Amino acid sequence: MKNFVQRAIQKIDQLDTKQIVDIMRSQASDVEMLENVLESIHDGVILTDEKLTVLYSNSNCRNLVPMARFRSYEGMALSKVLEDDQVLKYINLCVQQKKSDEDNEFTFQKGDSLQTIAVTVFSYKSSSERIRSSYVVMLSDVTEHNANEARLRRSENLASMTTMAAGVAHEIKNPLAAMAIHLQLLRKAFGRKETLTIDDAQRYLDVLDEEISRLNSIVVDFLFAVRPMDTRLRLGQIKRTLEEVVKFVMPELSEHHVHLKLDLPTSLPKLEFDEHLIKQALLNLIKNAMNAMESGGMLILQARHDQNQVLLKVIDTGIGMDEQTQLKIFEPYFTTKATGTGLGLTVVYKIMKEHKGDITVQSKLGEGTTFTLYFPVPRSERLALDSQAMAEADYEA
């Protein structure tokens, strides 16, 4: 159709009035069809020129983001149309930095509930000589999608709790059996009115005390793993938290002949995290690394800023693990050690999911293991970093 119209324009002097009218009707029909399609979709669509002047917007935009009350937005500056400063700032950054196809989520109060909207900016070169480049702003309601993800996480947590409950039942059997045997020995001794030596009595009591402590550890770890975490996210410097953990574990590392290497950049973006829980996760990983290096070795704590996330790596030169072990390492009650509940890494996994992050493992037998923690950089921090980068670029220019 487009090529046909272009050829017709080139020969317009040769066309009669009826032919010109037919071409215009055809074009009008195409535009009307496109507008009907855009009006029928659930997403909001805003088309602007290179100066962010609105060329078109469908009616659903008003239902998704705060917008000024005008019958039409055509010909108005986008800054006069959108009434949310954060959304406008994000769109401006995408345009200035030529970022395309990246979405960002914003939350708005809608009545008694919250609505989460994903904003995506697309750019394209227009074939029109009047409009050299244009931008399309897509607004998508992802509230239900996020709710479905939350329901899926709850379902996964329930399945995990079932697995852990079965593991607890199995783990409790051994200490209970040991306690029952030694209590039975005590009853027999009292029943026969035998005189217990202090050494025998102390031995029985030591076994009972040890098994009670073991039971307590199993129960405490289980409750920590299955209870909803009281996660209190605060914006802070993860580097400072990491340094505090290092200071705490240094004496134990020295005792186990483990040398520590810190590989940290001079600065990292601020993250939203629960300091207590992240310290717990790091301590679990460091303890796991020490257990893998019984004869000593090297422990490396590394941090990196990679685009929209911060990576923390805990690297050891221990015994490593095979592929099958790596696949099961985060499962509840899976352990390769003679002692321990097998919940330490399960807890770390849960803590990272509470932070909307992730954890992965890479390992080779005889070479060592690397655990990587992934933290998302908050939107506010990303915007601040982008603004700083733009200011520095302008200064250098």
Protein backbone atom coordinates (compact mmCIF):
# COMPACT_ATOMS: atom_id res chain seq x y z
CA MET A 1 0.00 0.00 0.00
CA LYS A 2 2.77 2.40 0.97
CA ASN A 3 4.66 1.84 -2.29
CA PHE A 4 1.46 2.23 -4.27
CA VAL A 5 0.76 5.61 -2.68
CA GLN A 6 4.33 6.79 -3.30
CA ARG A 7 4.06 5.87 -7.00
CA ALA A 8 0.69 7.59 -7.18
CA ILE A 9 2.10 10.78 -5.69
CA GLN A 10 4.87 10.79 -8.29
CA LYS A 11 2.21 10.63 -11.03
CA ILE A 12 -0.33 12.90 -9.33
CA ASP A 13 -0.45 15.25 -12.31
CA GLN A 14 -1.71 12.34 -14.41
CA LEU A 15 -4.52 11.39 -11.97
CA ASP A 16 -8.07 12.64 -12.13
CA THR A 17 -10.06 13.81 -9.09
CA LYS A 18 -11.79 10.44 -8.54
CA GLN A 19 -8.47 8.56 -8.45
CA ILE A 20 -7.01 11.04 -5.92
CA VAL A 21 -10.12 10.70 -3.71
CA ASP A 22 -9.83 6.89 -3.85
CA ILE A 23 -6.20 7.07 -2.68
CA MET A 24 -7.10 9.41 0.20
CA ARG A 25 -9.97 7.16 1.27
CA SER A 26 -7.67 4.15 1.24
CA GLN A 27 -5.13 5.96 3.41
CA ALA A 28 -7.84 7.16 5.80
CA SER A 29 -9.17 3.61 6.06
CA ASP A 30 -5.70 2.28 6.98
CA VAL A 31 -5.22 4.96 9.65
CA GLU A 32 -8.69 4.32 11.08
CA MET A 33 -8.00 0.57 11.24
CA LEU A 34 -4.70 1.19 13.06
CA GLU A 35 -6.39 3.50 15.57
CA ASN A 36 -9.14 0.92 16.17
CA VAL A 37 -6.51 -1.73 16.86
CA LEU A 38 -4.63 0.52 19.28
CA GLU A 39 -7.87 1.46 21.05
CA SER A 40 -8.81 -2.20 21.52
CA ILE A 41 -5.62 -3.34 23.30
CA HIS A 42 -5.26 -3.32 27.09
CA ASP A 43 -1.90 -1.55 27.02
CA GLY A 44 -1.43 2.19 26.84
CA VAL A 45 0.38 3.58 23.78
CA ILE A 46 1.85 7.06 23.39
CA LEU A 47 3.55 8.11 20.15
CA THR A 48 5.83 11.17 20.24
CA ASP A 49 8.25 12.93 17.94
CA GLU A 50 11.97 13.43 18.69
CA LYS A 51 11.17 16.40 20.97
CA LEU A 52 8.68 14.28 22.96
CA THR A 53 5.67 16.10 21.59
CA VAL A 54 2.63 13.81 21.63
CA LEU A 55 1.48 12.71 18.17
CA TYR A 56 -1.00 10.08 19.34
CA SER A 57 -2.18 8.35 22.53
CA ASN A 58 -4.87 5.72 23.00
CA SER A 59 -7.58 6.11 25.62
CA ASN A 60 -6.29 3.35 27.92
CA CYS A 61 -3.25 5.46 28.89
CA ARG A 62 -5.45 7.41 31.32
CA ASN A 63 -6.26 4.20 33.23
CA LEU A 64 -2.62 3.28 33.75
CA VAL A 65 -0.63 6.39 34.68
CA PRO A 66 -1.55 9.81 36.11
CA MET A 67 -2.26 12.13 33.14
CA ALA A 68 -3.52 15.67 32.78
CA ARG A 69 -7.24 16.03 32.00
CA PHE A 70 -7.53 17.13 28.38
CA ARG A 71 -9.80 15.84 25.63
CA SER A 72 -6.79 15.36 23.36
CA TYR A 73 -3.05 15.35 23.97
CA GLU A 74 -2.02 15.72 20.34
CA GLY A 75 0.56 18.47 19.88
CA MET A 76 1.25 18.79 23.62
CA ALA A 77 4.66 18.27 25.26
CA LEU A 78 4.83 14.94 27.10
CA SER A 79 5.98 16.83 30.22
CA LYS A 80 2.58 18.60 30.24
CA VAL A 81 0.70 15.34 29.75
CA LEU A 82 2.27 12.95 32.28
CA GLU A 83 1.74 13.93 35.91
CA ASP A 84 4.18 11.47 37.49
CA ASP A 85 7.72 12.86 37.75
CA GLN A 86 9.39 9.44 38.11
CA VAL A 87 7.82 8.05 34.92
CA LEU A 88 8.68 11.24 33.01
CA LYS A 89 12.25 11.18 34.31
CA TYR A 90 12.64 7.54 33.23
CA ILE A 91 11.34 8.27 29.69
CA ASN A 92 13.69 11.25 29.35
CA LEU A 93 16.66 9.10 30.42
CA CYS A 94 15.74 6.40 27.89
CA VAL A 95 15.57 9.02 25.12
CA GLN A 96 18.79 10.80 26.13
CA GLN A 97 20.78 7.59 26.54
CA LYS A 98 19.13 5.92 23.55
CA LYS A 99 17.99 2.98 25.63
CA SER A 100 15.31 0.95 23.89
CA ASP A 101 13.20 -2.10 24.77
CA GLU A 102 14.04 -1.82 28.49
CA ASP A 103 11.09 -1.71 30.86
CA ASN A 104 10.83 -0.29 34.35
CA GLU A 105 8.04 -0.83 36.87
CA PHE A 106 6.18 1.89 38.74
CA THR A 107 3.54 1.46 41.44
CA PHE A 108 0.47 3.68 41.78
CA GLN A 109 -2.37 3.82 44.28
CA LYS A 110 -5.66 2.89 42.60
CA GLY A 111 -8.56 3.06 45.04
CA ASP A 112 -7.80 0.69 47.91
CA SER A 113 -5.19 -1.32 46.00
CA LEU A 114 -1.83 -0.84 44.34
CA GLN A 115 -1.32 -1.04 40.59
CA THR A 116 2.06 -1.89 39.05
CA ILE A 117 2.72 -0.50 35.56
CA ALA A 118 5.66 -1.48 33.33
CA VAL A 119 6.88 1.42 31.18
CA THR A 120 8.84 0.62 28.00
CA VAL A 121 10.28 3.12 25.52
CA PHE A 122 10.86 2.15 21.88
CA SER A 123 12.58 4.34 19.32
CA TYR A 124 12.41 4.16 15.55
CA LYS A 125 13.40 6.21 12.56
CA SER A 126 10.47 7.66 10.68
CA SER A 127 10.35 7.66 6.89
CA SER A 128 8.61 11.02 7.05
CA GLU A 129 10.79 14.02 6.22
CA ARG A 130 8.73 16.09 8.67
CA ILE A 131 9.33 13.67 11.56
CA ARG A 132 12.92 12.43 11.58
CA SER A 133 12.59 10.09 14.59
CA SER A 134 9.81 9.02 16.89
CA TYR A 135 9.30 7.27 20.23
CA VAL A 136 6.63 4.85 21.35
CA VAL A 137 5.91 4.63 25.08
CA MET A 138 4.17 1.37 26.05
CA LEU A 139 2.30 1.18 29.37
CA SER A 140 1.44 -2.34 30.60
CA ASP A 141 -0.42 -3.35 33.75
CA VAL A 142 1.70 -6.13 35.32
CA THR A 143 -0.12 -6.20 38.67
CA GLU A 144 -1.77 -9.57 38.02
CA HIS A 145 1.43 -10.99 36.52
CA ASN A 146 3.37 -10.07 39.66
CA ALA A 147 0.57 -11.50 41.84
CA ASN A 148 0.74 -14.78 39.90
CA GLU A 149 4.51 -14.89 40.46
CA ALA A 150 3.93 -14.35 44.20
CA ARG A 151 1.39 -17.19 44.26
CA LEU A 152 3.86 -19.43 42.45
CA ARG A 153 6.53 -18.59 45.05
CA ARG A 154 4.09 -19.44 47.87
CA SER A 155 3.32 -22.74 46.15
CA GLU A 156 7.03 -23.48 45.85
CA ASN A 157 7.51 -22.58 49.52
CA LEU A 158 4.73 -24.98 50.51
CA ALA A 159 6.33 -27.81 48.52
CA SER A 160 9.68 -26.95 50.10
CA MET A 161 8.14 -27.01 53.59
CA THR A 162 6.71 -30.49 52.91
CA THR A 163 10.14 -31.73 51.87
CA MET A 164 11.77 -30.14 54.91
CA ALA A 165 9.15 -31.58 57.28
CA ALA A 166 9.97 -35.05 55.98
CA GLY A 167 13.66 -34.25 56.45
CA VAL A 168 13.08 -33.10 60.03
CA ALA A 169 11.26 -36.34 60.86
CA HIS A 170 14.23 -38.30 59.51
CA GLU A 171 16.86 -36.14 61.24
CA ILE A 172 15.13 -36.30 64.62
CA LYS A 173 15.07 -40.11 64.68
CA ASN A 174 18.81 -40.52 65.36
CA PRO A 175 19.14 -38.21 68.40
CA LEU A 176 15.85 -39.51 69.84
CA ALA A 177 17.07 -43.11 69.48
CA ALA A 178 20.37 -42.28 71.21
CA MET A 179 18.52 -40.53 74.06
CA ALA A 180 16.09 -43.44 74.45
CA ILE A 181 18.94 -45.98 74.70
CA HIS A 182 20.80 -44.06 77.41
CA LEU A 183 17.62 -43.35 79.37
CA GLN A 184 16.85 -47.07 79.23
CA LEU A 185 20.34 -47.86 80.55
CA LEU A 186 19.74 -45.46 83.43
CA ARG A 187 16.37 -47.04 84.23
CA LYS A 188 17.90 -50.52 84.25
CA ALA A 189 20.67 -49.40 86.58
CA PHE A 190 18.13 -47.82 88.96
CA GLY A 191 15.83 -50.85 88.65
CA ARG A 192 18.56 -53.23 89.73
CA LYS A 193 19.49 -50.76 92.43
CA GLU A 194 22.97 -50.69 91.11
CA THR A 195 25.31 -47.99 92.26
CA LEU A 196 26.28 -45.75 89.36
CA THR A 197 29.78 -44.44 89.35
CA ILE A 198 30.19 -40.72 88.81
CA ASP A 199 32.00 -41.41 85.55
CA ASP A 200 29.15 -43.57 84.17
CA ALA A 201 26.52 -41.04 85.20
CA GLN A 202 28.52 -38.21 83.62
CA ARG A 203 28.90 -40.21 80.41
CA TYR A 204 25.16 -40.78 80.16
CA LEU A 205 24.44 -37.12 80.92
CA ASP A 206 26.98 -35.93 78.31
CA VAL A 207 25.32 -38.06 75.61
CA LEU A 208 21.86 -36.77 76.57
CA ASP A 209 23.10 -33.18 76.61
CA GLU A 210 24.76 -33.58 73.21
CA GLU A 211 21.65 -35.10 71.61
CA ILE A 212 19.37 -32.44 73.13
CA SER A 213 21.62 -29.76 71.62
CA ARG A 214 21.48 -31.56 68.30
CA LEU A 215 17.67 -31.68 68.44
CA ASN A 216 17.54 -28.01 69.30
CA SER A 217 19.77 -27.17 66.32
CA ILE A 218 17.54 -29.18 63.97
CA VAL A 219 14.38 -27.45 65.20
CA VAL A 220 15.92 -23.95 65.13
CA ASP A 221 17.25 -24.41 61.58
CA PHE A 222 13.92 -25.85 60.44
CA LEU A 223 11.91 -22.95 61.88
CA PHE A 224 14.29 -20.41 60.35
CA ALA A 225 13.95 -22.10 56.96
CA VAL A 226 10.14 -22.40 56.87
CA ARG A 227 8.90 -19.34 58.73
CA PRO A 228 8.10 -16.24 56.66
CA MET A 229 11.14 -14.02 57.02
CA ASP A 230 10.73 -10.66 58.69
CA THR A 231 12.65 -8.99 55.88
CA ARG A 232 13.36 -5.32 56.55
CA LEU A 233 14.88 -3.82 53.44
CA ARG A 234 16.93 -0.65 53.89
CA LEU A 235 18.95 1.26 51.31
CA GLY A 236 22.61 0.88 52.26
CA GLN A 237 26.16 0.01 51.28
CA ILE A 238 26.65 -3.75 50.88
CA LYS A 239 30.42 -3.17 50.89
CA ARG A 240 30.33 -1.99 54.51
CA THR A 241 28.30 -5.06 55.52
CA LEU A 242 30.79 -7.33 53.78
CA GLU A 243 33.70 -5.68 55.59
CA GLU A 244 31.94 -6.16 58.95
CA VAL A 245 31.45 -9.87 58.23
CA VAL A 246 35.14 -10.21 57.31
CA LYS A 247 36.18 -8.57 60.57
CA PHE A 248 33.98 -11.02 62.49
CA VAL A 249 35.31 -14.20 60.80
CA MET A 250 39.01 -13.31 60.60
CA PRO A 251 40.00 -15.08 63.87
CA GLU A 252 38.29 -18.32 62.76
CA LEU A 253 39.82 -18.10 59.28
CA SER A 254 43.29 -17.74 60.82
CA GLU A 255 42.63 -20.70 63.12
CA HIS A 256 41.76 -22.87 60.08
CA HIS A 257 44.80 -21.59 58.11
CA VAL A 258 42.56 -20.00 55.50
CA HIS A 259 44.02 -16.93 53.79
CA LEU A 260 41.57 -14.19 52.84
CA LYS A 261 41.69 -12.03 49.71
CA LEU A 262 39.29 -9.09 49.37
CA ASP A 263 38.57 -7.97 45.81
CA LEU A 264 36.22 -5.01 46.19
CA PRO A 265 35.79 -1.94 43.95
CA THR A 266 36.19 1.53 45.43
CA SER A 267 32.45 2.12 45.19
CA LEU A 268 29.27 0.13 44.59
CA PRO A 269 25.66 1.22 44.04
CA LYS A 270 23.49 1.29 47.14
CA LEU A 271 21.25 -1.76 47.51
CA GLU A 272 18.00 -2.48 49.32
CA PHE A 273 18.78 -5.32 51.73
CA ASP A 274 18.22 -6.65 55.22
CA GLU A 275 21.62 -6.36 56.89
CA HIS A 276 20.96 -9.12 59.45
CA LEU A 277 19.82 -11.64 56.82
CA ILE A 278 22.64 -10.86 54.38
CA LYS A 279 25.20 -11.25 57.17
CA GLN A 280 23.62 -14.63 57.95
CA ALA A 281 23.87 -15.66 54.28
CA LEU A 282 27.51 -14.59 53.99
CA LEU A 283 28.46 -16.34 57.24
CA ASN A 284 26.81 -19.56 56.03
CA LEU A 285 28.76 -19.41 52.76
CA ILE A 286 32.06 -18.64 54.49
CA LYS A 287 31.51 -21.47 56.97
CA ASN A 288 30.74 -23.78 54.05
CA ALA A 289 33.99 -22.68 52.36
CA MET A 290 36.03 -23.34 55.52
CA ASN A 291 34.56 -26.85 55.80
CA ALA A 292 35.67 -27.49 52.21
CA MET A 293 39.27 -26.48 53.07
CA GLU A 294 40.10 -28.68 56.06
CA SER A 295 43.85 -28.33 55.41
CA GLY A 296 43.64 -24.60 54.76
CA GLY A 297 43.46 -22.68 51.52
CA MET A 298 42.42 -19.40 49.94
CA LEU A 299 39.08 -17.63 50.39
CA ILE A 300 38.27 -14.81 47.95
CA LEU A 301 35.42 -12.36 48.53
CA GLN A 302 34.71 -10.43 45.35
CA ALA A 303 32.15 -7.75 44.44
CA ARG A 304 31.25 -6.33 41.04
CA HIS A 305 28.68 -3.91 39.59
CA ASP A 306 27.30 -5.40 36.37
CA GLN A 307 24.66 -3.23 34.66
CA ASN A 308 21.48 -3.47 36.78
CA GLN A 309 22.83 -5.81 39.44
CA VAL A 310 25.61 -6.24 41.97
CA LEU A 311 27.41 -9.59 42.16
CA LEU A 312 29.05 -10.91 45.34
CA LYS A 313 31.26 -13.97 44.92
CA VAL A 314 32.51 -16.32 47.64
CA ILE A 315 35.35 -18.34 46.11
CA ASP A 316 37.29 -21.14 47.83
CA THR A 317 40.13 -23.46 46.83
CA GLY A 318 38.58 -26.45 48.58
CA ILE A 319 37.71 -29.96 47.49
CA GLY A 320 34.98 -28.84 45.07
CA MET A 321 31.95 -30.90 44.07
CA ASP A 322 30.68 -32.94 41.16
CA GLU A 323 27.79 -31.93 38.87
CA GLN A 324 25.20 -34.07 40.69
CA THR A 325 26.06 -32.44 44.01
CA GLN A 326 25.79 -28.96 42.46
CA LEU A 327 22.27 -29.77 41.21
CA LYS A 328 21.12 -30.72 44.73
CA ILE A 329 23.18 -28.33 46.83
CA PHE A 330 20.27 -25.96 47.65
CA GLU A 331 17.79 -28.73 48.45
CA PRO A 332 16.67 -29.00 52.10
CA TYR A 333 18.64 -31.53 54.17
CA PHE A 334 21.04 -32.35 51.37
CA THR A 335 24.56 -32.48 52.76
CA THR A 336 27.88 -34.13 51.98
CA LYS A 337 29.19 -33.57 55.52
CA ALA A 338 29.10 -36.01 58.42
CA THR A 339 27.64 -33.33 60.70
CA GLY A 340 25.19 -30.51 60.13
CA THR A 341 21.51 -30.29 59.22
CA GLY A 342 21.94 -29.60 55.51
CA LEU A 343 19.82 -26.45 55.73
CA GLY A 344 22.58 -23.82 55.60
CA LEU A 345 22.54 -23.31 51.82
CA THR A 346 18.75 -23.70 51.69
CA VAL A 347 18.52 -20.74 54.05
CA VAL A 348 20.93 -18.71 51.86
CA TYR A 349 18.80 -19.50 48.81
CA LYS A 350 15.65 -18.36 50.62
CA ILE A 351 17.31 -15.14 51.81
CA MET A 352 18.34 -14.24 48.24
CA LYS A 353 14.82 -14.89 46.94
CA GLU A 354 13.49 -12.58 49.68
CA HIS A 355 15.74 -9.89 48.18
CA LYS A 356 14.44 -10.60 44.63
CA GLY A 357 17.93 -11.83 43.86
CA ASP A 358 19.49 -15.19 43.09
CA ILE A 359 22.38 -17.50 43.95
CA THR A 360 24.33 -19.84 41.69
CA VAL A 361 27.17 -22.30 42.19
CA GLN A 362 30.11 -23.29 40.00
CA SER A 363 32.54 -25.97 41.11
CA LYS A 364 35.13 -28.50 39.99
CA LEU A 365 36.36 -31.46 41.98
CA GLY A 366 39.80 -30.78 43.39
CA GLU A 367 39.80 -27.13 42.30
CA GLY A 368 37.26 -25.29 44.43
CA THR A 369 33.82 -23.69 44.45
CA THR A 370 32.33 -20.29 43.62
CA PHE A 371 28.99 -19.13 45.00
CA THR A 372 27.62 -15.99 43.33
CA LEU A 373 24.96 -13.79 44.93
CA TYR A 374 22.96 -11.54 42.59
CA PHE A 375 21.39 -8.34 43.98
CA PRO A 376 19.15 -6.09 41.84
CA VAL A 377 20.11 -2.41 41.85
CA PRO A 378 17.05 -0.36 42.97
CA ARG A 379 15.33 1.82 40.38
CA SER A 380 16.12 5.02 42.30
CA GLU A 381 19.82 4.14 42.38
CA ARG A 382 19.86 3.26 38.66
CA LEU A 383 18.29 6.61 37.80
CA ALA A 384 20.80 8.42 40.03
CA LEU A 385 23.73 6.60 38.40
CA ASP A 386 22.38 7.32 34.91
CA SER A 387 22.00 11.02 35.75
CA GLN A 388 25.55 11.10 37.13
CA ALA A 389 26.93 9.41 34.01
CA MET A 390 25.14 11.92 31.80
CA ALA A 391 26.46 14.87 33.83
CA GLU A 392 30.02 13.50 33.60
CA ALA A 393 29.66 13.00 29.83
CA ASP A 394 28.41 16.57 29.39
CA TYR A 395 31.29 17.88 31.52
CA GLU A 396 33.89 15.99 29.46
CA ALA A 397 32.29 17.23 26.24
